[in-house]
Protein backbone atom coordinates (compact mmCIF):
# COMPACT_ATOMS: atom_id res chain seq x y z
CA MET A 1 17.94 -2.74 -12.62
CA GLY A 2 15.60 -4.04 -12.03
CA LYS A 3 11.58 -4.02 -10.60
CA PHE A 4 8.32 -5.19 -9.33
CA MET A 5 5.36 -4.66 -11.68
CA ILE A 6 1.68 -5.34 -9.74
CA LYS A 7 -1.00 -5.43 -12.48
CA THR A 8 -4.92 -5.06 -11.83
CA ALA A 9 -6.55 -8.34 -12.89
CA LYS A 10 -10.45 -9.56 -13.17
CA ASN A 11 -10.35 -11.05 -9.76
CA GLY A 12 -7.17 -8.96 -7.53
CA PHE A 13 -4.59 -8.26 -8.54
CA THR A 14 -0.65 -9.90 -10.17
CA PHE A 15 3.04 -9.55 -9.89
CA SER A 16 5.78 -10.20 -12.86
CA LEU A 17 8.96 -8.91 -11.60
CA LYS A 18 11.27 -7.40 -14.59
CA ALA A 19 14.82 -7.70 -15.49
CA GLY A 20 16.80 -4.49 -16.31
CA ASN A 21 16.37 -5.04 -19.64
CA GLY A 22 12.68 -5.27 -19.54
CA GLU A 23 12.12 -9.24 -19.94
CA VAL A 24 9.39 -10.55 -17.11
CA ILE A 25 11.85 -13.04 -15.35
CA ALA A 26 9.01 -14.35 -12.77
CA VAL A 27 5.38 -14.08 -11.53
CA GLY A 28 3.53 -14.22 -9.03
CA GLY A 29 2.20 -17.66 -7.86
CA GLU A 30 -1.01 -16.71 -7.46
CA VAL A 31 -3.90 -13.81 -7.75
CA TYR A 32 -4.09 -12.38 -4.37
CA ASN A 33 -7.34 -10.46 -3.68
CA THR A 34 -5.89 -6.87 -2.09
CA LEU A 35 -2.88 -4.62 -3.11
CA ALA A 36 -2.03 -5.47 0.44
CA SER A 37 -1.07 -9.18 -0.16
CA VAL A 38 0.19 -8.59 -3.45
CA LYS A 39 2.66 -5.83 -1.21
CA ASN A 40 3.42 -9.05 0.93
CA GLY A 41 4.22 -11.86 -2.15
CA ILE A 42 6.52 -9.35 -3.84
CA ALA A 43 8.28 -8.44 -0.14
CA SER A 44 8.00 -12.53 0.51
CA VAL A 45 9.76 -13.36 -3.03
CA ALA A 46 12.54 -9.89 -2.22
CA LYS A 47 13.23 -12.08 0.98
CA ASN A 48 13.50 -15.79 -0.13
CA ALA A 49 15.32 -14.85 -3.76
CA PRO A 50 18.55 -14.36 -2.79
CA ILE A 51 19.14 -16.77 0.32
CA ALA A 52 16.48 -20.47 -1.59
CA ASN A 53 18.90 -23.29 -1.95
CA LEU A 54 19.14 -24.80 -5.15
CA GLU A 55 16.77 -28.15 -5.78
CA ASP A 56 17.29 -29.04 -10.10
CA GLN A 57 14.53 -32.38 -10.38
CA THR A 58 15.60 -33.04 -13.97
CA VAL A 59 18.93 -34.77 -12.38
CA GLU A 60 18.61 -38.54 -12.18
CA GLY A 61 18.77 -39.23 -8.08
CA PHE A 62 18.16 -34.98 -7.43
CA GLU A 63 18.78 -34.34 -3.57
CA THR A 64 15.46 -32.79 -2.09
CA GLN A 65 16.53 -28.69 -0.07
CA THR A 66 14.98 -27.32 1.89
CA ASN A 67 12.77 -24.27 1.92
CA PRO A 68 13.29 -21.32 1.23
CA LYS A 69 13.90 -22.95 -2.92
CA PHE A 70 14.27 -22.80 -6.00
CA GLU A 71 12.80 -25.81 -8.22
CA ILE A 72 14.48 -26.57 -11.48
CA TYR A 73 12.78 -29.20 -13.54
CA LYS A 74 10.47 -29.48 -16.69
CA ASP A 75 7.57 -28.85 -18.22
CA LYS A 76 4.83 -31.01 -20.66
CA ALA A 77 6.50 -29.04 -23.14
CA GLY A 78 10.34 -30.90 -22.73
CA GLU A 79 11.07 -26.89 -21.49
CA PHE A 80 12.97 -25.93 -18.77
CA ARG A 81 11.15 -23.88 -15.61
CA PHE A 82 11.57 -22.61 -12.06
CA ARG A 83 9.11 -21.60 -9.12
CA LEU A 84 10.88 -20.54 -6.24
CA LYS A 85 9.04 -21.62 -3.49
CA ALA A 86 8.31 -19.51 0.54
CA LYS A 87 9.43 -20.92 3.75
CA ASN A 88 6.07 -22.60 3.96
CA GLY A 89 6.41 -24.88 1.39
CA GLU A 90 4.29 -21.99 -0.66
CA ILE A 91 4.82 -20.50 -4.30
CA ILE A 92 5.40 -17.61 -4.74
CA ALA A 93 7.38 -16.92 -7.73
CA ALA A 94 7.76 -18.62 -11.28
CA SER A 95 9.73 -18.26 -14.68
CA GLU A 96 8.95 -18.36 -18.17
CA GLY A 97 10.40 -21.80 -20.19
CA TYR A 98 13.78 -22.21 -21.60
CA VAL A 99 15.18 -24.20 -23.73
CA LYS A 100 18.30 -24.54 -22.20
CA LYS A 101 18.35 -25.99 -18.65
CA ASP A 102 21.45 -22.93 -18.72
CA SER A 103 19.59 -20.38 -19.88
CA CYS A 104 16.97 -21.39 -16.69
CA LYS A 105 19.52 -20.94 -14.04
CA ASN A 106 20.44 -17.48 -16.07
CA GLY A 107 16.99 -16.44 -15.05
CA ILE A 108 17.46 -17.80 -11.22
CA GLU A 109 20.98 -15.61 -10.47
CA SER A 110 19.21 -12.46 -12.17
CA VAL A 111 16.38 -13.07 -9.70
CA ARG A 112 17.74 -13.82 -6.79
CA LYS A 113 20.31 -10.53 -7.92
CA ASN A 114 17.40 -8.75 -8.79
CA ALA A 115 14.54 -8.76 -5.87
CA PRO A 116 15.45 -7.25 -3.21
CA ASP A 117 16.07 -3.91 -4.71
CA ALA A 118 13.75 -4.27 -6.65
CA PRO A 119 11.47 -0.59 -6.74
CA VAL A 120 7.58 -1.23 -6.59
CA ILE A 121 5.20 -0.10 -9.53
CA GLU A 122 1.14 -0.05 -10.14
CA GLU A 123 0.40 -0.12 -13.18
CA ASP A 124 -2.23 1.84 -14.48
CA LYS A 125 -5.60 0.06 -15.39
């Protein structure tokens, strides 16, 4: 089972979603000012991930999906990444780079599976 980890940053709070094996599968889209706001961000990921559409921007002539959605794209290094956008279009979670698109899609499925029921853990400073 996955878990959300809240970390204290220099200017606020960040979060990551870890899979059951401890691997980070997504990180929050921003630095949050308060503990309450980072928890709201986590709640948004948990709510939106299971129902999010999938938009593969690496395919020519891809069909634009409505939010919430996962977007698959290629970064400057040529790696596949995903970002999760909320209903309002704001990026609420993002992934690391993947060499293979299938691995990126597996990451999305892992977020869909782990986010809804993941406990929230505050890391010690």
